Amino acid sequence: MEYAYVRVSTTEQNESRQIDSLGGLNILSSNIYIEKKSGETFKRPVWQKLLKKLKRGDLLYIKSIDRLGRNYDEIQNQWRILTKERGIDIFVIDMPMLDTRKKASLIGTFVADMVLQVLSFVAEKERADIKQRQAEGIEAAKKRGVKFGRPKKKQKKTL
């Protein structure tokens, strides 16, 4: 059976780009799992639901490795569990070299593992950079007098 996992980080983001990349793959719409949640951790409800559905011999499509997650160690771990322990194939659409259906030679496996490690590192680094830029932006805004949070309610004076 073929499945796809589509993830964006927030409810405001649009997943259309990822869904469009699945065109021509003949994946049943019921087998496309869409999640609007940060990739910081794999403790995501839709991801967990998909994991329960996947069986040995299934194929999982993802647009890019950072859509799988944003944590280097967890990406590596999930990849190993899915492919080596559970016998599930993964195809990364933006990086066809990461296609576990191709039972590669030793050198091919080595190169694919290296690419996975590099892309996992980049995904986590990008997440860290985003958090850093966000923190810097908030700090700069506070220095300019921008107030964050809900406005305080005015209390009624009682006599």
N, C-alpha and C. Protein backbone atom coordinates (compact mmCIF):
# COMPACT_ATOMS: atom_id res chain seq x y z
N MET A 1 0.85 -1.17 0.00
CA MET A 1 0.00 0.00 0.00
C MET A 1 0.90 1.24 0.00
N GLU A 2 0.44 2.29 -0.66
CA GLU A 2 1.20 3.54 -0.73
C GLU A 2 0.53 4.61 0.13
N TYR A 3 1.38 5.35 0.85
CA TYR A 3 0.92 6.41 1.73
C TYR A 3 1.77 7.66 1.49
N ALA A 4 1.25 8.79 1.93
CA ALA A 4 2.02 10.03 1.89
C ALA A 4 1.82 10.77 3.20
N TYR A 5 2.88 11.43 3.63
CA TYR A 5 2.82 12.25 4.83
C TYR A 5 3.15 13.69 4.42
N VAL A 6 2.23 14.58 4.74
CA VAL A 6 2.36 16.00 4.41
C VAL A 6 2.30 16.77 5.72
N ARG A 7 3.31 17.63 5.95
CA ARG A 7 3.34 18.38 7.20
C ARG A 7 3.72 19.83 6.96
N VAL A 8 2.96 20.72 7.58
CA VAL A 8 3.34 22.12 7.69
C VAL A 8 3.37 22.44 9.17
N SER A 9 4.08 23.49 9.53
CA SER A 9 4.33 23.75 10.95
C SER A 9 3.19 24.42 11.70
N THR A 10 2.35 25.20 10.99
CA THR A 10 1.29 25.92 11.67
C THR A 10 -0.02 25.82 10.89
N THR A 11 -1.11 26.12 11.56
CA THR A 11 -2.42 26.07 10.90
C THR A 11 -2.56 27.13 9.82
N GLU A 12 -1.75 28.19 9.88
CA GLU A 12 -1.82 29.25 8.87
C GLU A 12 -1.10 28.85 7.58
N GLN A 13 -0.21 27.88 7.65
CA GLN A 13 0.54 27.49 6.46
C GLN A 13 -0.29 26.57 5.57
N ASN A 14 0.07 26.57 4.28
CA ASN A 14 -0.69 25.82 3.29
C ASN A 14 0.12 24.61 2.82
N GLU A 15 -0.54 23.49 2.76
CA GLU A 15 0.12 22.25 2.37
C GLU A 15 -0.01 21.92 0.88
N SER A 16 -0.61 22.82 0.10
CA SER A 16 -0.88 22.56 -1.32
C SER A 16 0.35 22.18 -2.11
N ARG A 17 1.46 22.84 -1.87
CA ARG A 17 2.69 22.57 -2.60
C ARG A 17 3.09 21.10 -2.44
N GLN A 18 2.97 20.60 -1.23
CA GLN A 18 3.33 19.20 -0.99
C GLN A 18 2.33 18.24 -1.63
N ILE A 19 1.07 18.57 -1.53
CA ILE A 19 0.04 17.71 -2.12
C ILE A 19 0.20 17.69 -3.64
N ASP A 20 0.48 18.85 -4.24
CA ASP A 20 0.70 18.90 -5.69
C ASP A 20 1.85 18.00 -6.12
N SER A 21 2.87 17.87 -5.28
CA SER A 21 4.02 17.03 -5.64
C SER A 21 3.67 15.55 -5.68
N LEU A 22 2.51 15.18 -5.14
CA LEU A 22 2.07 13.79 -5.14
C LEU A 22 1.32 13.42 -6.42
N GLY A 23 1.06 14.43 -7.26
CA GLY A 23 0.32 14.20 -8.49
C GLY A 23 0.94 13.09 -9.32
N GLY A 24 0.11 12.23 -9.86
CA GLY A 24 0.59 11.15 -10.70
C GLY A 24 1.07 9.92 -9.95
N LEU A 25 1.02 9.94 -8.63
CA LEU A 25 1.48 8.80 -7.84
C LEU A 25 0.36 7.82 -7.51
N ASN A 26 -0.86 8.17 -7.82
CA ASN A 26 -2.02 7.30 -7.60
C ASN A 26 -2.18 6.86 -6.14
N ILE A 27 -1.92 7.78 -5.23
CA ILE A 27 -2.12 7.49 -3.80
C ILE A 27 -3.57 7.81 -3.47
N LEU A 28 -4.24 6.89 -2.83
CA LEU A 28 -5.62 7.12 -2.42
C LEU A 28 -5.66 8.33 -1.50
N SER A 29 -6.66 9.18 -1.68
CA SER A 29 -6.74 10.37 -0.82
C SER A 29 -6.84 9.99 0.66
N SER A 30 -7.43 8.84 0.95
CA SER A 30 -7.53 8.39 2.35
C SER A 30 -6.17 7.97 2.90
N ASN A 31 -5.18 7.81 2.03
CA ASN A 31 -3.83 7.42 2.46
C ASN A 31 -2.86 8.59 2.49
N ILE A 32 -3.39 9.80 2.34
CA ILE A 32 -2.56 11.00 2.46
C ILE A 32 -2.83 11.59 3.84
N TYR A 33 -1.81 11.59 4.65
CA TYR A 33 -1.93 12.06 6.03
C TYR A 33 -1.36 13.47 6.11
N ILE A 34 -2.22 14.42 6.48
CA ILE A 34 -1.85 15.84 6.51
C ILE A 34 -1.83 16.31 7.96
N GLU A 35 -0.73 16.97 8.31
CA GLU A 35 -0.58 17.45 9.69
C GLU A 35 -0.11 18.89 9.69
N LYS A 36 -0.68 19.66 10.59
CA LYS A 36 -0.28 21.06 10.78
C LYS A 36 0.29 21.17 12.18
N LYS A 37 1.56 20.79 12.28
CA LYS A 37 2.22 20.71 13.59
C LYS A 37 3.72 20.85 13.39
N SER A 38 4.39 21.43 14.34
CA SER A 38 5.84 21.60 14.29
C SER A 38 6.54 20.25 14.14
N GLY A 39 7.66 20.27 13.44
CA GLY A 39 8.45 19.06 13.26
C GLY A 39 9.49 18.86 14.33
N GLU A 40 9.37 19.61 15.42
CA GLU A 40 10.34 19.54 16.51
C GLU A 40 10.43 18.14 17.10
N THR A 41 9.29 17.46 17.17
CA THR A 41 9.23 16.14 17.77
C THR A 41 8.37 15.23 16.89
N PHE A 42 8.50 13.94 17.05
CA PHE A 42 7.68 13.01 16.31
C PHE A 42 6.43 12.62 17.10
N LYS A 43 6.20 13.26 18.23
CA LYS A 43 5.00 13.01 19.02
C LYS A 43 3.88 13.89 18.47
N ARG A 44 3.55 13.61 17.21
CA ARG A 44 2.51 14.36 16.51
C ARG A 44 1.35 13.40 16.25
N PRO A 45 0.11 13.82 16.51
CA PRO A 45 -1.04 12.91 16.42
C PRO A 45 -1.21 12.24 15.05
N VAL A 46 -1.11 13.01 13.97
CA VAL A 46 -1.32 12.43 12.65
C VAL A 46 -0.17 11.48 12.30
N TRP A 47 1.06 11.85 12.65
CA TRP A 47 2.20 10.97 12.41
C TRP A 47 2.01 9.65 13.15
N GLN A 48 1.58 9.73 14.41
CA GLN A 48 1.37 8.52 15.21
C GLN A 48 0.28 7.64 14.60
N LYS A 49 -0.77 8.28 14.08
CA LYS A 49 -1.86 7.54 13.43
C LYS A 49 -1.33 6.82 12.18
N LEU A 50 -0.51 7.52 11.40
CA LEU A 50 0.09 6.92 10.20
C LEU A 50 0.99 5.75 10.57
N LEU A 51 1.80 5.90 11.60
CA LEU A 51 2.70 4.81 12.04
C LEU A 51 1.92 3.53 12.34
N LYS A 52 0.75 3.68 12.94
CA LYS A 52 -0.07 2.51 13.27
C LYS A 52 -0.60 1.83 12.02
N LYS A 53 -0.78 2.61 10.97
CA LYS A 53 -1.34 2.09 9.71
C LYS A 53 -0.28 1.38 8.85
N LEU A 54 0.95 1.87 8.89
CA LEU A 54 2.01 1.34 8.02
C LEU A 54 2.35 -0.11 8.37
N LYS A 55 2.49 -0.92 7.32
CA LYS A 55 2.84 -2.33 7.47
C LYS A 55 4.05 -2.65 6.60
N ARG A 56 4.71 -3.76 6.89
CA ARG A 56 5.86 -4.23 6.12
C ARG A 56 5.49 -4.27 4.64
N GLY A 57 6.38 -3.70 3.80
CA GLY A 57 6.16 -3.67 2.36
C GLY A 57 5.44 -2.43 1.86
N ASP A 58 4.90 -1.61 2.78
CA ASP A 58 4.25 -0.36 2.37
C ASP A 58 5.30 0.65 1.91
N LEU A 59 4.83 1.66 1.18
CA LEU A 59 5.69 2.72 0.68
C LEU A 59 5.17 4.05 1.20
N LEU A 60 6.07 4.84 1.79
CA LEU A 60 5.73 6.15 2.32
C LEU A 60 6.42 7.23 1.49
N TYR A 61 5.63 8.16 0.95
CA TYR A 61 6.16 9.30 0.22
C TYR A 61 6.17 10.52 1.12
N ILE A 62 7.26 11.28 1.07
CA ILE A 62 7.31 12.60 1.70
C ILE A 62 7.96 13.56 0.71
N LYS A 63 7.57 14.81 0.75
CA LYS A 63 8.09 15.80 -0.19
C LYS A 63 9.57 16.05 0.01
N SER A 64 9.96 16.30 1.25
CA SER A 64 11.36 16.55 1.57
C SER A 64 11.62 16.09 3.00
N ILE A 65 12.86 15.88 3.33
CA ILE A 65 13.20 15.29 4.63
C ILE A 65 12.77 16.20 5.78
N ASP A 66 12.77 17.52 5.58
CA ASP A 66 12.35 18.41 6.67
C ASP A 66 10.85 18.36 6.92
N ARG A 67 10.08 17.79 6.00
CA ARG A 67 8.65 17.58 6.23
C ARG A 67 8.45 16.38 7.15
N LEU A 68 9.41 15.48 7.17
CA LEU A 68 9.36 14.35 8.09
C LEU A 68 9.57 14.84 9.51
N GLY A 69 10.58 15.71 9.70
CA GLY A 69 10.85 16.23 11.03
C GLY A 69 11.96 17.26 10.99
N ARG A 70 12.24 17.84 12.16
CA ARG A 70 13.26 18.88 12.29
C ARG A 70 14.26 18.56 13.38
N ASN A 71 14.32 17.31 13.79
CA ASN A 71 15.24 16.91 14.84
C ASN A 71 16.15 15.82 14.28
N TYR A 72 17.44 16.13 14.19
CA TYR A 72 18.42 15.24 13.55
C TYR A 72 18.34 13.81 14.08
N ASP A 73 18.47 13.66 15.39
CA ASP A 73 18.50 12.32 15.98
C ASP A 73 17.19 11.58 15.74
N GLU A 74 16.07 12.29 15.87
CA GLU A 74 14.78 11.63 15.70
C GLU A 74 14.53 11.25 14.24
N ILE A 75 14.96 12.08 13.29
CA ILE A 75 14.82 11.72 11.88
C ILE A 75 15.60 10.43 11.61
N GLN A 76 16.84 10.40 12.07
CA GLN A 76 17.67 9.22 11.87
C GLN A 76 17.02 7.98 12.49
N ASN A 77 16.50 8.15 13.70
CA ASN A 77 15.89 7.04 14.42
C ASN A 77 14.62 6.56 13.73
N GLN A 78 13.74 7.49 13.36
CA GLN A 78 12.51 7.11 12.68
C GLN A 78 12.80 6.41 11.36
N TRP A 79 13.77 6.93 10.62
CA TRP A 79 14.15 6.33 9.33
C TRP A 79 14.60 4.88 9.54
N ARG A 80 15.46 4.68 10.54
CA ARG A 80 15.97 3.34 10.82
C ARG A 80 14.84 2.40 11.23
N ILE A 81 13.98 2.85 12.13
CA ILE A 81 12.87 2.01 12.59
C ILE A 81 11.97 1.62 11.42
N LEU A 82 11.59 2.61 10.62
CA LEU A 82 10.68 2.34 9.51
C LEU A 82 11.31 1.40 8.48
N THR A 83 12.52 1.73 8.05
CA THR A 83 13.10 0.98 6.94
C THR A 83 13.75 -0.33 7.36
N LYS A 84 14.49 -0.32 8.43
CA LYS A 84 15.26 -1.51 8.81
C LYS A 84 14.44 -2.46 9.69
N GLU A 85 13.75 -1.91 10.69
CA GLU A 85 13.02 -2.77 11.63
C GLU A 85 11.65 -3.18 11.12
N ARG A 86 10.94 -2.23 10.50
CA ARG A 86 9.56 -2.52 10.10
C ARG A 86 9.41 -2.87 8.63
N GLY A 87 10.46 -2.69 7.83
CA GLY A 87 10.41 -3.07 6.42
C GLY A 87 9.52 -2.20 5.56
N ILE A 88 9.45 -0.92 5.91
CA ILE A 88 8.65 0.04 5.15
C ILE A 88 9.61 0.84 4.26
N ASP A 89 9.23 1.00 3.00
CA ASP A 89 10.05 1.80 2.10
C ASP A 89 9.65 3.26 2.18
N ILE A 90 10.64 4.13 1.97
CA ILE A 90 10.41 5.58 1.97
C ILE A 90 10.99 6.15 0.69
N PHE A 91 10.25 7.07 0.11
CA PHE A 91 10.72 7.81 -1.07
C PHE A 91 10.59 9.29 -0.78
N VAL A 92 11.72 10.00 -0.82
CA VAL A 92 11.73 11.45 -0.61
C VAL A 92 11.68 12.09 -2.00
N ILE A 93 10.57 12.73 -2.31
CA ILE A 93 10.30 13.24 -3.65
C ILE A 93 11.37 14.22 -4.12
N ASP A 94 11.79 15.14 -3.26
CA ASP A 94 12.79 16.14 -3.65
C ASP A 94 14.22 15.59 -3.69
N MET A 95 14.42 14.36 -3.23
CA MET A 95 15.75 13.78 -3.21
C MET A 95 15.62 12.30 -3.61
N PRO A 96 15.45 12.04 -4.91
CA PRO A 96 15.23 10.67 -5.38
C PRO A 96 16.30 9.67 -4.94
N MET A 97 17.46 10.17 -4.56
CA MET A 97 18.50 9.28 -4.06
C MET A 97 18.03 8.59 -2.77
N LEU A 98 17.12 9.25 -2.06
CA LEU A 98 16.57 8.68 -0.83
C LEU A 98 15.30 7.91 -1.18
N ASP A 99 15.50 6.78 -1.82
CA ASP A 99 14.42 5.88 -2.21
C ASP A 99 14.85 4.48 -1.78
N THR A 100 14.28 4.01 -0.70
CA THR A 100 14.73 2.74 -0.14
C THR A 100 14.26 1.53 -0.95
N ARG A 101 13.43 1.77 -1.98
CA ARG A 101 13.03 0.65 -2.85
C ARG A 101 14.21 0.17 -3.68
N LYS A 102 15.15 1.07 -3.91
CA LYS A 102 16.34 0.70 -4.68
C LYS A 102 17.32 0.02 -3.74
N LYS A 103 17.38 -1.26 -3.81
CA LYS A 103 18.31 -1.99 -2.96
C LYS A 103 19.70 -1.80 -3.56
N ALA A 104 20.34 -0.76 -3.10
CA ALA A 104 21.59 -0.29 -3.69
C ALA A 104 22.78 -1.16 -3.30
N SER A 105 23.84 -0.92 -4.02
CA SER A 105 25.11 -1.54 -3.67
C SER A 105 25.59 -0.93 -2.36
N LEU A 106 26.65 -1.46 -1.84
CA LEU A 106 27.21 -0.94 -0.60
C LEU A 106 27.53 0.54 -0.73
N ILE A 107 28.12 0.95 -1.86
CA ILE A 107 28.47 2.37 -2.05
C ILE A 107 27.20 3.22 -2.17
N GLY A 108 26.18 2.68 -2.83
CA GLY A 108 24.91 3.41 -2.96
C GLY A 108 24.24 3.61 -1.61
N THR A 109 24.27 2.58 -0.80
CA THR A 109 23.70 2.66 0.56
C THR A 109 24.48 3.68 1.39
N PHE A 110 25.79 3.65 1.27
CA PHE A 110 26.64 4.58 2.01
C PHE A 110 26.31 6.02 1.62
N VAL A 111 26.20 6.29 0.32
CA VAL A 111 25.91 7.64 -0.16
C VAL A 111 24.52 8.07 0.30
N ALA A 112 23.52 7.19 0.20
CA ALA A 112 22.16 7.52 0.64
C ALA A 112 22.14 7.82 2.14
N ASP A 113 22.86 7.03 2.93
CA ASP A 113 22.92 7.27 4.37
C ASP A 113 23.58 8.62 4.67
N MET A 114 24.62 8.95 3.91
CA MET A 114 25.29 10.23 4.10
C MET A 114 24.36 11.39 3.75
N VAL A 115 23.64 11.27 2.65
CA VAL A 115 22.70 12.31 2.23
C VAL A 115 21.63 12.48 3.30
N LEU A 116 21.10 11.38 3.82
CA LEU A 116 20.09 11.45 4.88
C LEU A 116 20.64 12.19 6.09
N GLN A 117 21.87 11.90 6.48
CA GLN A 117 22.47 12.57 7.63
C GLN A 117 22.63 14.06 7.38
N VAL A 118 23.10 14.42 6.21
CA VAL A 118 23.29 15.84 5.88
C VAL A 118 21.94 16.56 5.88
N LEU A 119 20.93 15.99 5.22
CA LEU A 119 19.62 16.64 5.16
C LEU A 119 18.96 16.72 6.53
N SER A 120 19.15 15.71 7.36
CA SER A 120 18.62 15.74 8.73
C SER A 120 19.28 16.85 9.53
N PHE A 121 20.58 17.01 9.36
CA PHE A 121 21.31 18.08 10.03
C PHE A 121 20.77 19.44 9.57
N VAL A 122 20.63 19.60 8.28
CA VAL A 122 20.14 20.87 7.72
C VAL A 122 18.74 21.18 8.24
N ALA A 123 17.86 20.18 8.33
CA ALA A 123 16.51 20.38 8.83
C ALA A 123 16.52 20.89 10.27
N GLU A 124 17.35 20.27 11.11
CA GLU A 124 17.42 20.72 12.51
C GLU A 124 18.06 22.09 12.61
N LYS A 125 19.10 22.33 11.84
CA LYS A 125 19.78 23.62 11.86
C LYS A 125 18.83 24.74 11.42
N GLU A 126 18.06 24.47 10.41
CA GLU A 126 17.09 25.46 9.93
C GLU A 126 16.07 25.79 11.01
N ARG A 127 15.60 24.77 11.73
CA ARG A 127 14.66 24.98 12.82
C ARG A 127 15.29 25.84 13.92
N ALA A 128 16.54 25.56 14.26
CA ALA A 128 17.24 26.35 15.28
C ALA A 128 17.41 27.79 14.81
N ASP A 129 17.73 27.98 13.54
CA ASP A 129 17.89 29.34 13.00
C ASP A 129 16.57 30.10 13.04
N ILE A 130 15.48 29.43 12.72
CA ILE A 130 14.16 30.07 12.76
C ILE A 130 13.85 30.53 14.18
N LYS A 131 14.09 29.65 15.16
CA LYS A 131 13.84 30.01 16.55
C LYS A 131 14.70 31.18 17.00
N GLN A 132 15.97 31.20 16.57
CA GLN A 132 16.88 32.28 16.92
C GLN A 132 16.41 33.61 16.32
N ARG A 133 16.04 33.58 15.04
CA ARG A 133 15.56 34.81 14.39
C ARG A 133 14.28 35.30 15.04
N GLN A 134 13.40 34.38 15.41
CA GLN A 134 12.16 34.75 16.07
C GLN A 134 12.45 35.42 17.41
N ALA A 135 13.35 34.84 18.20
CA ALA A 135 13.70 35.41 19.50
C ALA A 135 14.32 36.80 19.34
N GLU A 136 15.19 36.95 18.33
CA GLU A 136 15.81 38.26 18.07
C GLU A 136 14.76 39.28 17.66
N GLY A 137 13.79 38.86 16.85
CA GLY A 137 12.72 39.76 16.43
C GLY A 137 11.85 40.21 17.59
N ILE A 138 11.54 39.28 18.48
CA ILE A 138 10.73 39.62 19.66
C ILE A 138 11.49 40.59 20.55
N GLU A 139 12.76 40.32 20.77
CA GLU A 139 13.59 41.20 21.60
C GLU A 139 13.67 42.61 21.01
N ALA A 140 13.87 42.69 19.70
CA ALA A 140 13.94 44.00 19.03
C ALA A 140 12.61 44.73 19.16
N ALA A 141 11.52 44.01 19.02
CA ALA A 141 10.19 44.63 19.13
C ALA A 141 9.95 45.14 20.55
N LYS A 142 10.37 44.36 21.55
CA LYS A 142 10.20 44.80 22.94
C LYS A 142 10.99 46.08 23.20
N LYS A 143 12.19 46.18 22.63
CA LYS A 143 13.00 47.39 22.80
C LYS A 143 12.33 48.60 22.17
N ARG A 144 11.52 48.36 21.14
CA ARG A 144 10.79 49.46 20.49
C ARG A 144 9.48 49.75 21.20
N GLY A 145 9.20 49.01 22.27
CA GLY A 145 8.00 49.27 23.06
C GLY A 145 6.78 48.46 22.67
N VAL A 146 6.95 47.49 21.80
CA VAL A 146 5.83 46.65 21.41
C VAL A 146 5.45 45.76 22.59
N LYS A 147 4.17 45.71 22.87
CA LYS A 147 3.66 44.88 23.97
C LYS A 147 3.12 43.58 23.40
N PHE A 148 3.45 42.47 24.06
CA PHE A 148 2.98 41.16 23.63
C PHE A 148 1.96 40.62 24.61
N GLY A 149 1.12 39.73 24.15
CA GLY A 149 0.12 39.11 25.00
C GLY A 149 -1.20 39.84 24.91
N ARG A 150 -2.15 39.34 25.66
CA ARG A 150 -3.48 39.95 25.67
C ARG A 150 -3.44 41.27 26.43
N PRO A 151 -4.22 42.21 25.95
CA PRO A 151 -4.29 43.47 26.71
C PRO A 151 -4.94 43.23 28.07
N LYS A 152 -4.47 43.95 29.05
CA LYS A 152 -5.01 43.80 30.40
C LYS A 152 -6.38 44.46 30.45
N LYS A 153 -7.30 43.79 31.17
CA LYS A 153 -8.65 44.32 31.32
C LYS A 153 -8.60 45.45 32.34
N LYS A 154 -9.36 46.47 32.03
CA LYS A 154 -9.46 47.57 32.99
C LYS A 154 -10.41 47.14 34.11
N GLN A 155 -9.98 47.40 35.33
CA GLN A 155 -10.79 47.03 36.47
C GLN A 155 -11.77 48.15 36.77
N LYS A 156 -12.98 47.77 37.07
CA LYS A 156 -14.00 48.75 37.43
C LYS A 156 -13.74 49.22 38.86
N LYS A 157 -13.87 50.51 39.03
CA LYS A 157 -13.70 51.05 40.38
C LYS A 157 -14.97 50.82 41.17
N THR A 158 -14.81 50.33 42.38
CA THR A 158 -15.96 50.10 43.25
C THR A 158 -15.85 51.04 44.44
N LEU A 159 -16.94 51.49 44.87
CA LEU A 159 -16.99 52.39 46.03
C LEU A 159 -17.31 51.70 47.28
